[in-house]
Amino acid sequence: MSLIAGFDARFPNQNQTKHCWQNYVDYFKCIKARGEDFPPCKQFFRAYHSLCPNDYISKWDTQREEGNFPVNLNP
């Protein structure tokens, strides 16, 4: 099982910040819609953990927990 995010044509540049962000958002939308055990959700999880700095993840997790995350994560 690969722990590295694969190529995504939506993000062709070296800067992967948007790719990181999109996988983080997609993961939480996916688990709300399908549950944590749904295989595509696990791929989003692996991708954002591969791409995102831990500081970003911690910040976004805190924002979600406090209810001030800038994106609606409902499916």
PDB file of N, CA and C in Angstrom:
ATOM      1  N   MET A   1       0.845  -1.170   0.000  1.00  0.00           N
ATOM      2  CA  MET A   1       0.000   0.000   0.000  1.00  0.00           C
ATOM      3  C   MET A   1       0.893   1.237   0.000  1.00  0.00           C
ATOM      4  N   SER A   2       0.653   2.127  -0.936  1.00  0.00           N
ATOM      5  CA  SER A   2       1.442   3.348  -1.052  1.00  0.00           C
ATOM      6  C   SER A   2       0.958   4.397  -0.066  1.00  0.00           C
ATOM      7  N   LEU A   3       1.895   5.060   0.578  1.00  0.00           N
ATOM      8  CA  LEU A   3       1.550   6.127   1.505  1.00  0.00           C
ATOM      9  C   LEU A   3       1.812   7.495   0.903  1.00  0.00           C
ATOM     10  N   ILE A   4       2.072   7.537  -0.390  1.00  0.00           N
ATOM     11  CA  ILE A   4       2.361   8.785  -1.067  1.00  0.00           C
ATOM     12  C   ILE A   4       1.206   9.106  -2.004  1.00  0.00           C
ATOM     13  N   ALA A   5       0.797  10.369  -1.991  1.00  0.00           N
ATOM     14  CA  ALA A   5      -0.281  10.788  -2.883  1.00  0.00           C
ATOM     15  C   ALA A   5       0.186  10.707  -4.326  1.00  0.00           C
ATOM     16  N   GLY A   6      -0.677  10.194  -5.179  1.00  0.00           N
ATOM     17  CA  GLY A   6      -0.349  10.084  -6.592  1.00  0.00           C
ATOM     18  C   GLY A   6      -0.555  11.401  -7.321  1.00  0.00           C
ATOM     19  N   PHE A   7      -0.245  11.392  -8.602  1.00  0.00           N
ATOM     20  CA  PHE A   7      -0.416  12.580  -9.429  1.00  0.00           C
ATOM     21  C   PHE A   7      -1.890  12.919  -9.547  1.00  0.00           C
ATOM     22  N   ASP A   8      -2.203  14.198  -9.459  1.00  0.00           N
ATOM     23  CA  ASP A   8      -3.563  14.689  -9.646  1.00  0.00           C
ATOM     24  C   ASP A   8      -3.486  15.818 -10.667  1.00  0.00           C
ATOM     25  N   ALA A   9      -4.096  15.632 -11.828  1.00  0.00           N
ATOM     26  CA  ALA A   9      -4.003  16.601 -12.919  1.00  0.00           C
ATOM     27  C   ALA A   9      -4.566  17.969 -12.545  1.00  0.00           C
ATOM     28  N   ARG A  10      -5.384  18.034 -11.495  1.00  0.00           N
ATOM     29  CA  ARG A  10      -5.910  19.332 -11.064  1.00  0.00           C
ATOM     30  C   ARG A  10      -4.824  20.196 -10.439  1.00  0.00           C
ATOM     31  N   PHE A  11      -3.705  19.574 -10.031  1.00  0.00           N
ATOM     32  CA  PHE A  11      -2.639  20.283  -9.336  1.00  0.00           C
ATOM     33  C   PHE A  11      -1.297  19.963  -9.987  1.00  0.00           C
ATOM     34  N   PRO A  12      -1.025  20.526 -11.180  1.00  0.00           N
ATOM     35  CA  PRO A  12       0.172  20.145 -11.932  1.00  0.00           C
ATOM     36  C   PRO A  12       1.468  20.810 -11.460  1.00  0.00           C
ATOM     37  N   ASN A  13       1.390  21.801 -10.597  1.00  0.00           N
ATOM     38  CA  ASN A  13       2.576  22.541 -10.182  1.00  0.00           C
ATOM     39  C   ASN A  13       3.282  21.883  -9.010  1.00  0.00           C
ATOM     40  N   GLN A  14       4.500  22.346  -8.739  1.00  0.00           N
ATOM     41  CA  GLN A  14       5.265  21.790  -7.626  1.00  0.00           C
ATOM     42  C   GLN A  14       4.643  22.129  -6.281  1.00  0.00           C
ATOM     43  N   ASN A  15       4.065  23.314  -6.159  1.00  0.00           N
ATOM     44  CA  ASN A  15       3.456  23.713  -4.900  1.00  0.00           C
ATOM     45  C   ASN A  15       2.193  22.878  -4.688  1.00  0.00           C
ATOM     46  N   GLN A  16       2.209  22.049  -3.673  1.00  0.00           N
ATOM     47  CA  GLN A  16       1.115  21.103  -3.440  1.00  0.00           C
ATOM     48  C   GLN A  16       0.159  21.550  -2.334  1.00  0.00           C
ATOM     49  N   THR A  17       0.215  22.825  -1.951  1.00  0.00           N
ATOM     50  CA  THR A  17      -0.645  23.314  -0.874  1.00  0.00           C
ATOM     51  C   THR A  17      -2.119  23.114  -1.201  1.00  0.00           C
ATOM     52  N   LYS A  18      -2.539  23.464  -2.406  1.00  0.00           N
ATOM     53  CA  LYS A  18      -3.950  23.297  -2.773  1.00  0.00           C
ATOM     54  C   LYS A  18      -4.333  21.821  -2.830  1.00  0.00           C
ATOM     55  N   HIS A  19      -3.419  20.989  -3.284  1.00  0.00           N
ATOM     56  CA  HIS A  19      -3.655  19.541  -3.326  1.00  0.00           C
ATOM     57  C   HIS A  19      -3.835  19.014  -1.902  1.00  0.00           C
ATOM     58  N   CYS A  20      -2.977  19.455  -1.005  1.00  0.00           N
ATOM     59  CA  CYS A  20      -3.073  19.093   0.413  1.00  0.00           C
ATOM     60  C   CYS A  20      -4.445  19.496   0.956  1.00  0.00           C
ATOM     61  N   TRP A  21      -4.803  20.767   0.761  1.00  0.00           N
ATOM     62  CA  TRP A  21      -6.067  21.318   1.256  1.00  0.00           C
ATOM     63  C   TRP A  21      -7.259  20.533   0.711  1.00  0.00           C
ATOM     64  N   GLN A  22      -7.267  20.274  -0.589  1.00  0.00           N
ATOM     65  CA  GLN A  22      -8.404  19.592  -1.208  1.00  0.00           C
ATOM     66  C   GLN A  22      -8.568  18.179  -0.669  1.00  0.00           C
ATOM     67  N   ASN A  23      -7.470  17.469  -0.447  1.00  0.00           N
ATOM     68  CA  ASN A  23      -7.562  16.120   0.107  1.00  0.00           C
ATOM     69  C   ASN A  23      -8.046  16.140   1.551  1.00  0.00           C
ATOM     70  N   TYR A  24      -7.636  17.143   2.322  1.00  0.00           N
ATOM     71  CA  TYR A  24      -8.117  17.281   3.703  1.00  0.00           C
ATOM     72  C   TYR A  24      -9.631  17.490   3.703  1.00  0.00           C
ATOM     73  N   VAL A  25     -10.099  18.429   2.905  1.00  0.00           N
ATOM     74  CA  VAL A  25     -11.533  18.719   2.817  1.00  0.00           C
ATOM     75  C   VAL A  25     -12.293  17.504   2.287  1.00  0.00           C
ATOM     76  N   ASP A  26     -11.788  16.879   1.229  1.00  0.00           N
ATOM     77  CA  ASP A  26     -12.458  15.713   0.648  1.00  0.00           C
ATOM     78  C   ASP A  26     -12.559  14.570   1.649  1.00  0.00           C
ATOM     79  N   TYR A  27     -11.534  14.377   2.473  1.00  0.00           N
ATOM     80  CA  TYR A  27     -11.575  13.308   3.472  1.00  0.00           C
ATOM     81  C   TYR A  27     -12.731  13.528   4.442  1.00  0.00           C
ATOM     82  N   PHE A  28     -12.849  14.715   4.993  1.00  0.00           N
ATOM     83  CA  PHE A  28     -13.886  14.937   5.996  1.00  0.00           C
ATOM     84  C   PHE A  28     -15.285  14.954   5.390  1.00  0.00           C
ATOM     85  N   LYS A  29     -15.414  15.397   4.154  1.00  0.00           N
ATOM     86  CA  LYS A  29     -16.710  15.291   3.473  1.00  0.00           C
ATOM     87  C   LYS A  29     -17.048  13.823   3.217  1.00  0.00           C
ATOM     88  N   CYS A  30     -16.046  13.052   2.826  1.00  0.00           N
ATOM     89  CA  CYS A  30     -16.238  11.635   2.515  1.00  0.00           C
ATOM     90  C   CYS A  30     -16.675  10.846   3.751  1.00  0.00           C
ATOM     91  N   ILE A  31     -15.983  11.059   4.878  1.00  0.00           N
ATOM     92  CA  ILE A  31     -16.350  10.266   6.059  1.00  0.00           C
ATOM     93  C   ILE A  31     -17.719  10.660   6.596  1.00  0.00           C
ATOM     94  N   LYS A  32     -18.126  11.913   6.397  1.00  0.00           N
ATOM     95  CA  LYS A  32     -19.477  12.296   6.814  1.00  0.00           C
ATOM     96  C   LYS A  32     -20.525  11.633   5.928  1.00  0.00           C
ATOM     97  N   ALA A  33     -20.198  11.450   4.653  1.00  0.00           N
ATOM     98  CA  ALA A  33     -21.146  10.858   3.709  1.00  0.00           C
ATOM     99  C   ALA A  33     -21.138   9.335   3.747  1.00  0.00           C
ATOM    100  N   ARG A  34     -19.951   8.727   3.901  1.00  0.00           N
ATOM    101  CA  ARG A  34     -19.816   7.280   3.726  1.00  0.00           C
ATOM    102  C   ARG A  34     -19.239   6.528   4.918  1.00  0.00           C
ATOM    103  N   GLY A  35     -18.633   7.232   5.864  1.00  0.00           N
ATOM    104  CA  GLY A  35     -18.023   6.564   7.007  1.00  0.00           C
ATOM    105  C   GLY A  35     -16.527   6.360   6.808  1.00  0.00           C
ATOM    106  N   GLU A  36     -15.817   6.210   7.913  1.00  0.00           N
ATOM    107  CA  GLU A  36     -14.352   6.121   7.888  1.00  0.00           C
ATOM    108  C   GLU A  36     -13.829   4.870   7.194  1.00  0.00           C
ATOM    109  N   ASP A  37     -14.636   3.821   7.107  1.00  0.00           N
ATOM    110  CA  ASP A  37     -14.156   2.570   6.526  1.00  0.00           C
ATOM    111  C   ASP A  37     -14.316   2.497   5.006  1.00  0.00           C
ATOM    112  N   PHE A  38     -14.914   3.499   4.401  1.00  0.00           N
ATOM    113  CA  PHE A  38     -15.097   3.521   2.946  1.00  0.00           C
ATOM    114  C   PHE A  38     -13.724   3.713   2.296  1.00  0.00           C
ATOM    115  N   PRO A  39     -13.272   2.769   1.443  1.00  0.00           N
ATOM    116  CA  PRO A  39     -11.896   2.824   0.902  1.00  0.00           C
ATOM    117  C   PRO A  39     -11.482   4.148   0.253  1.00  0.00           C
ATOM    118  N   PRO A  40     -12.332   4.798  -0.558  1.00  0.00           N
ATOM    119  CA  PRO A  40     -11.888   6.087  -1.113  1.00  0.00           C
ATOM    120  C   PRO A  40     -11.597   7.138  -0.035  1.00  0.00           C
ATOM    121  N   CYS A  41     -12.317   7.084   1.084  1.00  0.00           N
ATOM    122  CA  CYS A  41     -12.037   8.024   2.179  1.00  0.00           C
ATOM    123  C   CYS A  41     -10.632   7.790   2.719  1.00  0.00           C
ATOM    124  N   LYS A  42     -10.252   6.531   2.824  1.00  0.00           N
ATOM    125  CA  LYS A  42      -8.912   6.209   3.323  1.00  0.00           C
ATOM    126  C   LYS A  42      -7.836   6.756   2.394  1.00  0.00           C
ATOM    127  N   GLN A  43      -8.112   6.777   1.086  1.00  0.00           N
ATOM    128  CA  GLN A  43      -7.143   7.332   0.138  1.00  0.00           C
ATOM    129  C   GLN A  43      -6.966   8.830   0.354  1.00  0.00           C
ATOM    130  N   PHE A  44      -8.062   9.548   0.594  1.00  0.00           N
ATOM    131  CA  PHE A  44      -7.951  10.979   0.895  1.00  0.00           C
ATOM    132  C   PHE A  44      -7.129  11.191   2.165  1.00  0.00           C
ATOM    133  N   PHE A  45      -7.363  10.340   3.171  1.00  0.00           N
ATOM    134  CA  PHE A  45      -6.623  10.436   4.433  1.00  0.00           C
ATOM    135  C   PHE A  45      -5.125  10.262   4.187  1.00  0.00           C
ATOM    136  N   ARG A  46      -4.769   9.214   3.465  1.00  0.00           N
ATOM    137  CA  ARG A  46      -3.348   8.964   3.179  1.00  0.00           C
ATOM    138  C   ARG A  46      -2.745  10.116   2.378  1.00  0.00           C
ATOM    139  N   ALA A  47      -3.510  10.634   1.432  1.00  0.00           N
ATOM    140  CA  ALA A  47      -2.997  11.717   0.586  1.00  0.00           C
ATOM    141  C   ALA A  47      -2.740  12.977   1.401  1.00  0.00           C
ATOM    142  N   TYR A  48      -3.698  13.384   2.239  1.00  0.00           N
ATOM    143  CA  TYR A  48      -3.449  14.629   2.967  1.00  0.00           C
ATOM    144  C   TYR A  48      -2.367  14.454   4.019  1.00  0.00           C
ATOM    145  N   HIS A  49      -2.246  13.269   4.598  1.00  0.00           N
ATOM    146  CA  HIS A  49      -1.147  13.047   5.548  1.00  0.00           C
ATOM    147  C   HIS A  49       0.205  13.011   4.838  1.00  0.00           C
ATOM    148  N   SER A  50       0.222  12.637   3.590  1.00  0.00           N
ATOM    149  CA  SER A  50       1.452  12.626   2.809  1.00  0.00           C
ATOM    150  C   SER A  50       1.844  14.034   2.362  1.00  0.00           C
ATOM    151  N   LEU A  51       0.859  14.856   2.027  1.00  0.00           N
ATOM    152  CA  LEU A  51       1.116  16.163   1.429  1.00  0.00           C
ATOM    153  C   LEU A  51       1.178  17.324   2.414  1.00  0.00           C
ATOM    154  N   CYS A  52       0.404  17.258   3.484  1.00  0.00           N
ATOM    155  CA  CYS A  52       0.240  18.417   4.368  1.00  0.00           C
ATOM    156  C   CYS A  52       1.243  18.429   5.512  1.00  0.00           C
ATOM    157  N   PRO A  53       1.820  19.591   5.794  1.00  0.00           N
ATOM    158  CA  PRO A  53       2.650  19.712   6.998  1.00  0.00           C
ATOM    159  C   PRO A  53       1.792  19.489   8.247  1.00  0.00           C
ATOM    160  N   ASN A  54       2.374  18.902   9.273  1.00  0.00           N
ATOM    161  CA  ASN A  54       1.636  18.623  10.506  1.00  0.00           C
ATOM    162  C   ASN A  54       1.033  19.885  11.111  1.00  0.00           C
ATOM    163  N   ASP A  55       1.712  21.013  10.982  1.00  0.00           N
ATOM    164  CA  ASP A  55       1.179  22.266  11.518  1.00  0.00           C
ATOM    165  C   ASP A  55      -0.140  22.645  10.849  1.00  0.00           C
ATOM    166  N   TYR A  56      -0.242  22.430   9.551  1.00  0.00           N
ATOM    167  CA  TYR A  56      -1.487  22.721   8.842  1.00  0.00           C
ATOM    168  C   TYR A  56      -2.608  21.831   9.370  1.00  0.00           C
ATOM    169  N   ILE A  57      -2.317  20.542   9.490  1.00  0.00           N
ATOM    170  CA  ILE A  57      -3.327  19.589   9.948  1.00  0.00           C
ATOM    171  C   ILE A  57      -3.802  19.952  11.345  1.00  0.00           C
ATOM    172  N   SER A  58      -2.874  20.268  12.236  1.00  0.00           N
ATOM    173  CA  SER A  58      -3.237  20.648  13.608  1.00  0.00           C
ATOM    174  C   SER A  58      -4.118  21.890  13.617  1.00  0.00           C
ATOM    175  N   LYS A  59      -3.750  22.878  12.813  1.00  0.00           N
ATOM    176  CA  LYS A  59      -4.531  24.118  12.745  1.00  0.00           C
ATOM    177  C   LYS A  59      -5.940  23.835  12.241  1.00  0.00           C
ATOM    178  N   TRP A  60      -6.042  23.068  11.166  1.00  0.00           N
ATOM    179  CA  TRP A  60      -7.355  22.783  10.594  1.00  0.00           C
ATOM    180  C   TRP A  60      -8.193  21.914  11.522  1.00  0.00           C
ATOM    181  N   ASP A  61      -7.558  20.954  12.211  1.00  0.00           N
ATOM    182  CA  ASP A  61      -8.285  20.129  13.179  1.00  0.00           C
ATOM    183  C   ASP A  61      -8.862  21.005  14.292  1.00  0.00           C
ATOM    184  N   THR A  62      -8.063  21.939  14.782  1.00  0.00           N
ATOM    185  CA  THR A  62      -8.527  22.852  15.831  1.00  0.00           C
ATOM    186  C   THR A  62      -9.686  23.697  15.324  1.00  0.00           C
ATOM    187  N   GLN A  63      -9.571  24.215  14.117  1.00  0.00           N
ATOM    188  CA  GLN A  63     -10.655  25.017  13.547  1.00  0.00           C
ATOM    189  C   GLN A  63     -11.941  24.200  13.425  1.00  0.00           C
ATOM    190  N   ARG A  64     -11.833  22.957  12.984  1.00  0.00           N
ATOM    191  CA  ARG A  64     -13.027  22.103  12.870  1.00  0.00           C
ATOM    192  C   ARG A  64     -13.653  21.885  14.237  1.00  0.00           C
ATOM    193  N   GLU A  65     -12.820  21.565  15.236  1.00  0.00           N
ATOM    194  CA  GLU A  65     -13.311  21.293  16.584  1.00  0.00           C
ATOM    195  C   GLU A  65     -13.983  22.521  17.198  1.00  0.00           C
ATOM    196  N   GLU A  66     -13.470  23.702  16.876  1.00  0.00           N
ATOM    197  CA  GLU A  66     -14.025  24.938  17.429  1.00  0.00           C
ATOM    198  C   GLU A  66     -15.180  25.488  16.599  1.00  0.00           C
ATOM    199  N   GLY A  67     -15.478  24.839  15.481  1.00  0.00           N
ATOM    200  CA  GLY A  67     -16.597  25.248  14.650  1.00  0.00           C
ATOM    201  C   GLY A  67     -16.332  26.451  13.767  1.00  0.00           C
ATOM    202  N   ASN A  68     -15.056  26.781  13.536  1.00  0.00           N
ATOM    203  CA  ASN A  68     -14.770  27.931  12.678  1.00  0.00           C
ATOM    204  C   ASN A  68     -13.911  27.565  11.466  1.00  0.00           C
ATOM    205  N   PHE A  69     -14.059  26.317  11.006  1.00  0.00           N
ATOM    206  CA  PHE A  69     -13.356  25.893   9.793  1.00  0.00           C
ATOM    207  C   PHE A  69     -13.983  26.622   8.610  1.00  0.00           C
ATOM    208  N   PRO A  70     -13.181  27.143   7.672  1.00  0.00           N
ATOM    209  CA  PRO A  70     -13.721  28.007   6.615  1.00  0.00           C
ATOM    210  C   PRO A  70     -14.526  27.311   5.512  1.00  0.00           C
ATOM    211  N   VAL A  71     -14.713  26.005   5.604  1.00  0.00           N
ATOM    212  CA  VAL A  71     -15.449  25.275   4.571  1.00  0.00           C
ATOM    213  C   VAL A  71     -16.532  24.430   5.238  1.00  0.00           C
ATOM    214  N   ASN A  72     -17.703  24.371   4.618  1.00  0.00           N
ATOM    215  CA  ASN A  72     -18.761  23.486   5.082  1.00  0.00           C
ATOM    216  C   ASN A  72     -18.378  22.061   4.692  1.00  0.00           C
ATOM    217  N   LEU A  73     -18.211  21.187   5.669  1.00  0.00           N
ATOM    218  CA  LEU A  73     -17.769  19.822   5.400  1.00  0.00           C
ATOM    219  C   LEU A  73     -18.920  18.833   5.271  1.00  0.00           C
ATOM    220  N   ASN A  74     -20.135  19.328   5.249  1.00  0.00           N
ATOM    221  CA  ASN A  74     -21.266  18.431   5.035  1.00  0.00           C
ATOM    222  C   ASN A  74     -21.289  18.011   3.572  1.00  0.00           C
ATOM    223  N   PRO A  75     -21.591  16.720   3.340  1.00  0.00           N
ATOM    224  CA  PRO A  75     -21.598  16.219   1.953  1.00  0.00           C
ATOM    225  C   PRO A  75     -22.686  16.870   1.111  1.00  0.00           C
TER     226      PRO A  75
END
